[in-house]
C-alpha atoms as a PDB file:
ATOM      1  CA  MET A   1     100.697 121.767 270.547  1.00  0.00           C
ATOM      2  CA  ILE A   2     101.117 118.100 271.655  1.00  0.00           C
ATOM      3  CA  GLU A   3     102.892 118.023 274.940  1.00  0.00           C
ATOM      4  CA  LEU A   4     105.072 115.502 275.355  1.00  0.00           C
ATOM      5  CA  LEU A   5     106.243 115.432 279.327  1.00  0.00           C
ATOM      6  CA  ASP A   6     109.056 112.376 278.638  1.00  0.00           C
ATOM      7  CA  VAL A   7     110.750 109.870 276.567  1.00  0.00           C
ATOM      8  CA  CYS A   8     109.704 106.374 278.168  1.00  0.00           C
ATOM      9  CA  TYR A   9     110.685 103.365 276.057  1.00  0.00           C
ATOM     10  CA  THR A  10     112.171 102.379 273.000  1.00  0.00           C
ATOM     11  CA  ARG A  11     111.281  99.002 271.273  1.00  0.00           C
ATOM     12  CA  LEU A  12     113.673  97.039 268.839  1.00  0.00           C
ATOM     13  CA  GLY A  13     113.151  94.488 266.428  1.00  0.00           C
ATOM     14  CA  THR A  14     116.233  91.610 266.413  1.00  0.00           C
ATOM     15  CA  ASN A  15     116.668  88.145 264.447  1.00  0.00           C
ATOM     16  CA  ASP A  16     118.633  86.911 267.581  1.00  0.00           C
ATOM     17  CA  LEU A  17     117.002  87.406 270.926  1.00  0.00           C
ATOM     18  CA  GLU A  18     119.117  85.435 272.977  1.00  0.00           C
ATOM     19  CA  LEU A  19     121.869  87.644 271.313  1.00  0.00           C
ATOM     20  CA  CYS A  20     120.112  90.980 272.862  1.00  0.00           C
ATOM     21  CA  ARG A  21     119.459  89.668 276.076  1.00  0.00           C
ATOM     22  CA  ASP A  22     123.052  88.313 276.795  1.00  0.00           C
ATOM     23  CA  PHE A  23     124.491  91.905 275.486  1.00  0.00           C
ATOM     24  CA  ALA A  24     121.547  93.523 277.539  1.00  0.00           C
ATOM     25  CA  THR A  25     122.690  92.128 280.869  1.00  0.00           C
ATOM     26  CA  ARG A  26     126.155  91.066 280.686  1.00  0.00           C
ATOM     27  CA  ILE A  27     127.405  94.059 279.148  1.00  0.00           C
ATOM     28  CA  LEU A  28     124.765  96.707 279.297  1.00  0.00           C
ATOM     29  CA  GLY A  29     123.441  96.216 282.974  1.00  0.00           C
ATOM     30  CA  LEU A  30     119.843  96.022 282.527  1.00  0.00           C
ATOM     31  CA  GLN A  31     117.770  93.701 284.795  1.00  0.00           C
ATOM     32  CA  VAL A  32     114.942  91.572 282.444  1.00  0.00           C
ATOM     33  CA  THR A  33     111.498  91.740 283.758  1.00  0.00           C
ATOM     34  CA  GLY A  34     109.976  89.387 280.957  1.00  0.00           C
ATOM     35  CA  ALA A  35     110.619  86.908 278.303  1.00  0.00           C
ATOM     36  CA  SER A  36     109.517  84.698 276.403  1.00  0.00           C
ATOM     37  CA  ARG A  37     110.543  82.977 272.807  1.00  0.00           C
ATOM     38  CA  ASN A  38     109.186  86.392 270.776  1.00  0.00           C
ATOM     39  CA  ASP A  39     110.252  89.115 272.473  1.00  0.00           C
ATOM     40  CA  LEU A  40     112.102  90.601 275.865  1.00  0.00           C
ATOM     41  CA  TYR A  41     111.319  93.401 278.364  1.00  0.00           C
ATOM     42  CA  LEU A  42     114.358  95.035 279.849  1.00  0.00           C
ATOM     43  CA  ARG A  43     114.352  97.821 282.584  1.00  0.00           C
ATOM     44  CA  SER A  44     116.931 100.924 284.126  1.00  0.00           C
ATOM     45  CA  ASP A  45     114.807 102.834 286.574  1.00  0.00           C
ATOM     46  CA  ASP A  46     112.071 102.711 288.321  1.00  0.00           C
ATOM     47  CA  ARG A  47     109.696 102.231 285.194  1.00  0.00           C
ATOM     48  CA  ALA A  48     108.056  98.373 284.504  1.00  0.00           C
ATOM     49  CA  HIS A  49     110.167  98.628 281.290  1.00  0.00           C
ATOM     50  CA  THR A  50     112.218 101.163 279.262  1.00  0.00           C
ATOM     51  CA  LEU A  51     113.782  98.998 276.224  1.00  0.00           C
ATOM     52  CA  TYR A  52     111.848  95.717 274.367  1.00  0.00           C
ATOM     53  CA  TYR A  53     113.301  93.710 272.442  1.00  0.00           C
ATOM     54  CA  HIS A  54     110.528  91.339 269.599  1.00  0.00           C
ATOM     55  CA  ASP A  55     111.618  88.863 266.964  1.00  0.00           C
ATOM     56  CA  GLY A  56     111.646  90.965 263.774  1.00  0.00           C
ATOM     57  CA  ASP A  57     113.181  93.226 261.563  1.00  0.00           C
ATOM     58  CA  PRO A  58     116.383  94.735 262.933  1.00  0.00           C
ATOM     59  CA  ALA A  59     115.440  98.175 261.225  1.00  0.00           C
ATOM     60  CA  ASP A  60     112.114  97.856 263.229  1.00  0.00           C
ATOM     61  CA  HIS A  61     112.885 100.579 265.637  1.00  0.00           C
ATOM     62  CA  VAL A  62     109.747 102.496 267.473  1.00  0.00           C
ATOM     63  CA  ILE A  63     109.692 105.314 270.248  1.00  0.00           C
ATOM     64  CA  GLY A  64     107.635 105.968 273.366  1.00  0.00           C
ATOM     65  CA  PHE A  65     107.048 109.485 274.593  1.00  0.00           C
ATOM     66  CA  GLU A  66     104.547 109.483 277.278  1.00  0.00           C
ATOM     67  CA  VAL A  67     101.697 112.271 277.551  1.00  0.00           C
ATOM     68  CA  ARG A  68      99.491 113.704 280.211  1.00  0.00           C
ATOM     69  CA  ASP A  69      96.336 112.051 279.912  1.00  0.00           C
ATOM     70  CA  SER A  70      93.290 110.549 277.649  1.00  0.00           C
ATOM     71  CA  ALA A  71      92.756 114.145 276.586  1.00  0.00           C
ATOM     72  CA  ALA A  72      95.721 115.140 275.290  1.00  0.00           C
ATOM     73  CA  LEU A  73      96.224 111.697 273.863  1.00  0.00           C
ATOM     74  CA  ASP A  74      93.013 112.372 271.935  1.00  0.00           C
ATOM     75  CA  ALA A  75      93.973 115.824 271.004  1.00  0.00           C
ATOM     76  CA  ALA A  76      97.210 114.514 269.664  1.00  0.00           C
ATOM     77  CA  GLY A  77      95.549 112.033 267.373  1.00  0.00           C
ATOM     78  CA  ALA A  78      93.238 114.820 265.813  1.00  0.00           C
ATOM     79  CA  THR A  79      96.318 117.113 265.554  1.00  0.00           C
ATOM     80  CA  LEU A  80      98.421 114.921 263.669  1.00  0.00           C
ATOM     81  CA  GLU A  81      95.284 113.464 261.709  1.00  0.00           C
ATOM     82  CA  GLY A  82      94.780 117.149 260.332  1.00  0.00           C
ATOM     83  CA  LEU A  83      98.246 117.377 259.848  1.00  0.00           C
ATOM     84  CA  GLY A  84      97.828 114.105 257.314  1.00  0.00           C
ATOM     85  CA  HIS A  85      99.799 111.683 259.230  1.00  0.00           C
ATOM     86  CA  ALA A  86      97.905 108.453 259.603  1.00  0.00           C
ATOM     87  CA  VAL A  87      97.539 107.442 263.202  1.00  0.00           C
ATOM     88  CA  TRP A  88      96.638 103.771 264.986  1.00  0.00           C
ATOM     89  CA  ARG A  89      95.240 103.254 268.054  1.00  0.00           C
ATOM     90  CA  GLY A  90      96.417 100.582 270.138  1.00  0.00           C
ATOM     91  CA  THR A  91      94.162  97.541 270.941  1.00  0.00           C
ATOM     92  CA  ARG A  92      93.941  96.388 274.522  1.00  0.00           C
ATOM     93  CA  SER A  93      96.503  93.549 274.008  1.00  0.00           C
ATOM     94  CA  GLU A  94      98.969  95.795 272.630  1.00  0.00           C
ATOM     95  CA  CYS A  95      98.528  98.707 275.840  1.00  0.00           C
ATOM     96  CA  GLU A  96      98.697  95.537 278.054  1.00  0.00           C
ATOM     97  CA  SER A  97     101.805  94.557 276.177  1.00  0.00           C
ATOM     98  CA  ARG A  98     103.530  98.343 276.460  1.00  0.00           C
ATOM     99  CA  HIS A  99     102.279  98.532 280.235  1.00  0.00           C
ATOM    100  CA  VAL A 100     100.444 101.520 279.524  1.00  0.00           C
ATOM    101  CA  ALA A 101      96.626 102.323 279.445  1.00  0.00           C
ATOM    102  CA  ASP A 102      96.170 103.418 275.891  1.00  0.00           C
ATOM    103  CA  PHE A 103      98.361 104.908 272.984  1.00  0.00           C
ATOM    104  CA  ILE A 104      98.468 105.992 269.633  1.00  0.00           C
ATOM    105  CA  VAL A 105     101.009 105.293 267.083  1.00  0.00           C
ATOM    106  CA  PHE A 106     102.348 107.619 263.701  1.00  0.00           C
ATOM    107  CA  GLU A 107     105.892 108.317 261.730  1.00  0.00           C
ATOM    108  CA  ASP A 108     107.416 111.120 262.391  1.00  0.00           C
ATOM    109  CA  PRO A 109     107.887 113.285 259.053  1.00  0.00           C
ATOM    110  CA  ASN A 110     111.539 110.831 258.768  1.00  0.00           C
ATOM    111  CA  GLY A 111     108.925 108.143 258.539  1.00  0.00           C
ATOM    112  CA  THR A 112     110.283 106.593 262.485  1.00  0.00           C
ATOM    113  CA  ALA A 113     107.877 105.177 264.115  1.00  0.00           C
ATOM    114  CA  VAL A 114     106.374 106.876 267.414  1.00  0.00           C
ATOM    115  CA  GLU A 115     104.064 106.159 270.049  1.00  0.00           C
ATOM    116  CA  LEU A 116     102.449 108.305 272.200  1.00  0.00           C
ATOM    117  CA  ALA A 117     101.505 106.893 275.908  1.00  0.00           C
ATOM    118  CA  VAL A 118      99.612 107.411 278.830  1.00  0.00           C
ATOM    119  CA  ARG A 119     100.241 106.349 282.317  1.00  0.00           C
ATOM    120  CA  PRO A 120     103.196 104.232 281.420  1.00  0.00           C
ATOM    121  CA  GLU A 121     103.783 101.483 284.242  1.00  0.00           C
ATOM    122  CA  VAL A 122     105.848 102.225 287.463  1.00  0.00           C
ATOM    123  CA  ALA A 123     107.639  98.986 289.072  1.00  0.00           C
ATOM    124  CA  GLY A 124     106.468  98.581 292.916  1.00  0.00           C
ATOM    125  CA  ARG A 125     109.790  97.061 293.634  1.00  0.00           C
ATOM    126  CA  ARG A 126     113.162  98.599 292.796  1.00  0.00           C
ATOM    127  CA  HIS A 127     115.459  98.614 289.845  1.00  0.00           C
ATOM    128  CA  PHE A 128     117.745  95.424 290.640  1.00  0.00           C
ATOM    129  CA  PRO A 129     120.159  95.411 287.513  1.00  0.00           C
ATOM    130  CA  SER A 130     121.994  92.586 286.140  1.00  0.00           C
ATOM    131  CA  ARG A 131     125.498  94.141 286.774  1.00  0.00           C
ATOM    132  CA  ASP A 132     127.426  97.029 288.773  1.00  0.00           C
ATOM    133  CA  ALA A 133     126.859  99.754 285.955  1.00  0.00           C
ATOM    134  CA  GLY A 134     125.590 102.363 288.223  1.00  0.00           C
ATOM    135  CA  ILE A 135     122.748 102.977 285.475  1.00  0.00           C
ATOM    136  CA  THR A 136     119.772 105.028 287.051  1.00  0.00           C
ATOM    137  CA  GLY A 137     117.716 105.468 284.133  1.00  0.00           C
ATOM    138  CA  PHE A 138     116.930 105.713 280.698  1.00  0.00           C
ATOM    139  CA  SER A 139     117.069 109.359 279.320  1.00  0.00           C
ATOM    140  CA  HIS A 140     117.580 110.259 275.765  1.00  0.00           C
ATOM    141  CA  VAL A 141     117.454 108.945 272.037  1.00  0.00           C
ATOM    142  CA  GLY A 142     119.412 110.107 269.124  1.00  0.00           C
ATOM    143  CA  ILE A 143     116.582 110.214 266.108  1.00  0.00           C
ATOM    144  CA  PHE A 144     118.018 110.297 262.512  1.00  0.00           C
ATOM    145  CA  SER A 145     117.100 112.744 260.013  1.00  0.00           C
ATOM    146  CA  LYS A 146     117.153 112.815 256.244  1.00  0.00           C
ATOM    147  CA  ASP A 147     115.849 116.789 256.434  1.00  0.00           C
ATOM    148  CA  ALA A 148     116.907 118.180 260.195  1.00  0.00           C
ATOM    149  CA  VAL A 149     114.900 121.642 259.303  1.00  0.00           C
ATOM    150  CA  ARG A 150     111.750 119.811 258.526  1.00  0.00           C
ATOM    151  CA  ASP A 151     111.928 117.705 261.334  1.00  0.00           C
ATOM    152  CA  GLU A 152     113.059 120.387 263.936  1.00  0.00           C
ATOM    153  CA  HIS A 153     109.843 122.422 262.464  1.00  0.00           C
ATOM    154  CA  PHE A 154     107.549 119.274 263.591  1.00  0.00           C
ATOM    155  CA  TRP A 155     109.382 118.295 266.676  1.00  0.00           C
ATOM    156  CA  THR A 156     109.278 122.341 267.982  1.00  0.00           C
ATOM    157  CA  GLN A 157     106.320 123.827 266.724  1.00  0.00           C
ATOM    158  CA  VAL A 158     103.181 120.455 266.325  1.00  0.00           C
ATOM    159  CA  CYS A 159     105.140 119.455 269.761  1.00  0.00           C
ATOM    160  CA  ASN A 160     106.448 121.487 272.708  1.00  0.00           C
ATOM    161  CA  ALA A 161     110.686 120.261 272.255  1.00  0.00           C
ATOM    162  CA  ARG A 162     112.996 123.476 272.643  1.00  0.00           C
ATOM    163  CA  VAL A 163     115.944 123.623 270.929  1.00  0.00           C
ATOM    164  CA  SER A 164     118.929 123.300 273.885  1.00  0.00           C
ATOM    165  CA  ASP A 165     122.034 123.491 271.295  1.00  0.00           C
ATOM    166  CA  ARG A 166     122.787 122.891 268.357  1.00  0.00           C
ATOM    167  CA  ILE A 167     126.334 121.589 266.970  1.00  0.00           C
ATOM    168  CA  GLY A 168     126.372 122.779 263.140  1.00  0.00           C
ATOM    169  CA  ASP A 169     122.702 121.734 261.778  1.00  0.00           C
ATOM    170  CA  VAL A 170     122.158 119.283 264.305  1.00  0.00           C
ATOM    171  CA  PRO A 171     119.633 120.388 266.828  1.00  0.00           C
ATOM    172  CA  LEU A 172     119.301 118.812 270.669  1.00  0.00           C
ATOM    173  CA  LEU A 173     115.792 118.947 272.013  1.00  0.00           C
ATOM    174  CA  ARG A 174     114.364 118.640 275.276  1.00  0.00           C
ATOM    175  CA  VAL A 175     110.835 118.421 276.475  1.00  0.00           C
ATOM    176  CA  ASN A 176     111.720 119.267 280.305  1.00  0.00           C
ATOM    177  CA  GLU A 177     114.228 120.319 282.300  1.00  0.00           C
ATOM    178  CA  ILE A 178     117.109 117.837 281.179  1.00  0.00           C
ATOM    179  CA  HIS A 179     119.468 119.357 278.452  1.00  0.00           C
ATOM    180  CA  HIS A 180     118.285 117.158 275.596  1.00  0.00           C
ATOM    181  CA  THR A 181     115.348 114.325 275.211  1.00  0.00           C
ATOM    182  CA  MET A 182     116.169 113.701 271.586  1.00  0.00           C
ATOM    183  CA  ALA A 183     118.811 114.870 269.071  1.00  0.00           C
ATOM    184  CA  LEU A 184     118.227 114.801 265.338  1.00  0.00           C
ATOM    185  CA  ILE A 185     121.246 113.229 263.453  1.00  0.00           C
ATOM    186  CA  PRO A 186     121.711 113.989 260.129  1.00  0.00           C
ATOM    187  CA  ALA A 187     121.605 110.660 257.836  1.00  0.00           C
ATOM    188  CA  PRO A 188     119.936 109.162 254.962  1.00  0.00           C
ATOM    189  CA  ARG A 189     117.537 106.897 256.780  1.00  0.00           C
ATOM    190  CA  SER A 190     114.644 106.808 259.473  1.00  0.00           C
ATOM    191  CA  GLY A 191     114.845 105.431 263.185  1.00  0.00           C
ATOM    192  CA  ILE A 192     117.004 105.112 266.168  1.00  0.00           C
ATOM    193  CA  GLN A 193     120.666 106.421 266.418  1.00  0.00           C
ATOM    194  CA  HIS A 194     121.085 105.983 269.833  1.00  0.00           C
ATOM    195  CA  ILE A 195     119.786 105.370 273.097  1.00  0.00           C
ATOM    196  CA  ASN A 196     121.139 106.787 276.431  1.00  0.00           C
ATOM    197  CA  HIS A 197     121.417 105.512 280.226  1.00  0.00           C
ATOM    198  CA  GLN A 198     122.591 107.680 282.522  1.00  0.00           C
ATOM    199  CA  VAL A 199     124.518 106.468 285.398  1.00  0.00           C
ATOM    200  CA  GLU A 200     126.079 107.510 288.696  1.00  0.00           C
ATOM    201  CA  SER A 201     129.596 108.804 288.190  1.00  0.00           C
ATOM    202  CA  THR A 202     132.319 108.904 286.055  1.00  0.00           C
ATOM    203  CA  ASP A 203     134.309 106.388 287.557  1.00  0.00           C
ATOM    204  CA  ASP A 204     131.233 103.993 286.306  1.00  0.00           C
ATOM    205  CA  ILE A 205     131.823 105.308 282.434  1.00  0.00           C
ATOM    206  CA  MET A 206     135.708 104.342 283.316  1.00  0.00           C
ATOM    207  CA  ARG A 207     134.711 101.210 284.652  1.00  0.00           C
ATOM    208  CA  SER A 208     132.361 100.280 281.817  1.00  0.00           C
ATOM    209  CA  HIS A 209     135.110 101.099 279.641  1.00  0.00           C
ATOM    210  CA  SER A 210     137.417  98.889 280.867  1.00  0.00           C
ATOM    211  CA  LEU A 211     134.638  95.687 280.780  1.00  0.00           C
ATOM    212  CA  LEU A 212     133.748  96.805 276.870  1.00  0.00           C
ATOM    213  CA  LEU A 213     137.637  96.558 276.129  1.00  0.00           C
ATOM    214  CA  GLN A 214     137.639  93.221 277.897  1.00  0.00           C
ATOM    215  CA  HIS A 215     134.674  91.815 275.926  1.00  0.00           C
ATOM    216  CA  ASN A 216     136.023  93.632 272.328  1.00  0.00           C
ATOM    217  CA  VAL A 217     132.836  95.584 272.264  1.00  0.00           C
ATOM    218  CA  PRO A 218     132.801  98.586 269.496  1.00  0.00           C
ATOM    219  CA  ILE A 219     133.560 101.454 271.066  1.00  0.00           C
ATOM    220  CA  VAL A 220     132.487 104.571 268.739  1.00  0.00           C
ATOM    221  CA  PHE A 221     132.841 107.505 270.903  1.00  0.00           C
ATOM    222  CA  GLY A 222     134.598 108.824 274.306  1.00  0.00           C
ATOM    223  CA  PRO A 223     135.326 108.458 276.880  1.00  0.00           C
ATOM    224  CA  GLY A 224     135.215 112.145 276.670  1.00  0.00           C
ATOM    225  CA  ARG A 225     132.436 115.402 277.589  1.00  0.00           C
ATOM    226  CA  HIS A 226     130.522 117.113 275.872  1.00  0.00           C
ATOM    227  CA  PRO A 227     130.602 121.067 275.830  1.00  0.00           C
ATOM    228  CA  THR A 228     126.742 121.259 275.260  1.00  0.00           C
ATOM    229  CA  SER A 229     124.980 119.109 278.103  1.00  0.00           C
ATOM    230  CA  SER A 230     128.358 119.017 280.043  1.00  0.00           C
ATOM    231  CA  ALA A 231     128.109 115.201 280.152  1.00  0.00           C
ATOM    232  CA  ARG A 232     130.931 112.630 280.691  1.00  0.00           C
ATOM    233  CA  PHE A 233     129.684 109.993 277.429  1.00  0.00           C
ATOM    234  CA  LEU A 234     130.779 107.151 276.105  1.00  0.00           C
ATOM    235  CA  TYR A 235     128.981 105.488 273.564  1.00  0.00           C
ATOM    236  CA  PHE A 236     129.367 101.329 271.717  1.00  0.00           C
ATOM    237  CA  LYS A 237     127.642  99.208 269.341  1.00  0.00           C
ATOM    238  CA  GLY A 238     125.660  96.187 270.700  1.00  0.00           C
ATOM    239  CA  PRO A 239     123.388  93.854 268.680  1.00  0.00           C
ATOM    240  CA  ASN A 240     121.929  94.596 265.082  1.00  0.00           C
ATOM    241  CA  GLY A 241     124.700  98.185 265.071  1.00  0.00           C
ATOM    242  CA  MET A 242     122.392  99.883 267.617  1.00  0.00           C
ATOM    243  CA  VAL A 243     124.411 102.404 269.747  1.00  0.00           C
ATOM    244  CA  PHE A 244     124.369 102.722 273.527  1.00  0.00           C
ATOM    245  CA  GLU A 245     125.519 105.519 275.382  1.00  0.00           C
ATOM    246  CA  TYR A 246     126.309 105.750 279.334  1.00  0.00           C
ATOM    247  CA  SER A 247     126.586 109.563 280.607  1.00  0.00           C
ATOM    248  CA  VAL A 248     126.849 111.257 283.636  1.00  0.00           C
ATOM    249  CA  GLY A 249     126.439 115.113 284.834  1.00  0.00           C
ATOM    250  CA  VAL A 250     123.752 116.314 282.194  1.00  0.00           C
ATOM    251  CA  LYS A 251     123.062 119.786 282.400  1.00  0.00           C
ATOM    252  CA  HIS A 252     119.588 120.994 283.710  1.00  0.00           C
ATOM    253  CA  ILE A 253     117.836 123.737 281.648  1.00  0.00           C
ATOM    254  CA  ASP A 254     116.320 127.093 283.625  1.00  0.00           C
ATOM    255  CA  GLU A 255     113.496 127.908 280.698  1.00  0.00           C
ATOM    256  CA  GLU A 256     113.658 131.122 282.112  1.00  0.00           C
ATOM    257  CA  THR A 257     117.656 132.100 281.543  1.00  0.00           C
ATOM    258  CA  TYR A 258     118.651 129.972 279.308  1.00  0.00           C
ATOM    259  CA  ARG A 259     119.433 131.043 275.667  1.00  0.00           C
ATOM    260  CA  GLU A 260     120.163 128.153 272.916  1.00  0.00           C
ATOM    261  CA  ARG A 261     123.943 128.297 271.700  1.00  0.00           C
ATOM    262  CA  GLN A 262     125.176 127.862 268.211  1.00  0.00           C
ATOM    263  CA  PHE A 263     128.465 125.380 268.023  1.00  0.00           C
ATOM    264  CA  GLY A 264     130.035 124.824 264.998  1.00  0.00           C
ATOM    265  CA  PHE A 265     130.552 121.349 263.593  1.00  0.00           C
ATOM    266  CA  GLU A 266     133.989 120.287 264.700  1.00  0.00           C
ATOM    267  CA  PRO A 267     135.542 117.946 267.118  1.00  0.00           C
ATOM    268  CA  PHE A 268     135.570 120.123 270.269  1.00  0.00           C
ATOM    269  CA  SER A 269     131.741 120.658 269.607  1.00  0.00           C
ATOM    270  CA  LEU A 270     131.076 116.989 269.978  1.00  0.00           C
ATOM    271  CA  CYS A 271     133.946 116.242 272.831  1.00  0.00           C
ATOM    272  CA  MET A 272     135.744 118.829 274.962  1.00  0.00           C
ATOM    273  CA  TRP A 273     138.533 116.374 275.466  1.00  0.00           C
ATOM    274  CA  GLY A 274     139.178 116.332 271.800  1.00  0.00           C
ATOM    275  CA  GLY A 275     137.922 113.028 271.273  1.00  0.00           C
ATOM    276  CA  ARG A 276     137.163 111.912 267.357  1.00  0.00           C
ATOM    277  CA  SER A 277     133.599 110.476 266.932  1.00  0.00           C
ATOM    278  CA  ARG A 278     132.658 107.025 264.892  1.00  0.00           C
ATOM    279  CA  LEU A 279     128.911 107.557 265.583  1.00  0.00           C
ATOM    280  CA  PRO A 280     126.700 107.133 262.398  1.00  0.00           C
ATOM    281  CA  GLY A 281     125.953 110.293 260.980  1.00  0.00           C
ATOM    282  CA  LEU A 282     128.477 112.122 263.166  1.00  0.00           C
ATOM    283  CA  GLU A 283     132.031 110.853 262.059  1.00  0.00           C
ATOM    284  CA  ASN A 284     134.918 113.448 262.213  1.00  0.00           C
END
């Protein structure tokens, strides 16, 4: 079984790097750690970077997960190849561009590019955000799925993810004690549905809600509260239609006592305050 420790970065293509930089700093509140004519590195916590934009197809999405060491990486590659997945090893320059010691890349059963990385770099200097959004770190992703049963089997049987809760047929999966590291969202496409950053307080969410309204940023869900993870949340659209989320108060799981729960697919299962979702794949 492939043991994923945590999600560590996302990589997105864009046809407008300046727009992405402006949004990430002025609206989202991330710290720029590197930039050129062709790429942009952004930081949200003690890691060297957690979000990377490059000049390319906006449909180009990559999710990076950390694995324990080189032996675990080699074993993961062998497991994936044994299951018929094409696996590529990162070159030295590609490792340097990702600030990792080593990595492999493959496509999950839905066609989303996934990188397994060893030793993602941690920065010696503390995170210094571009605005006071209260961000404490990158936490999870929503992943589109054309076949949730198939994809859940991959993440829970080939990898070490566990189901925390389900909303209808939508599984929320964890790889550590945090309620979920990924959510599989039904849609006829591959790629990332949303990128989550944790913030310090509900006040941070409400301050950002006011800022988003002032700057006419499309809000697609919230403010609200998830009955599954207990988190207060706010979802909004960034460049190229990518959805970002702020949340606070996410539940931590006790592996010895917790049992997965089944919620019906209806508005109060997504937001216990009764909000309506316009999230791609979760409209109600």
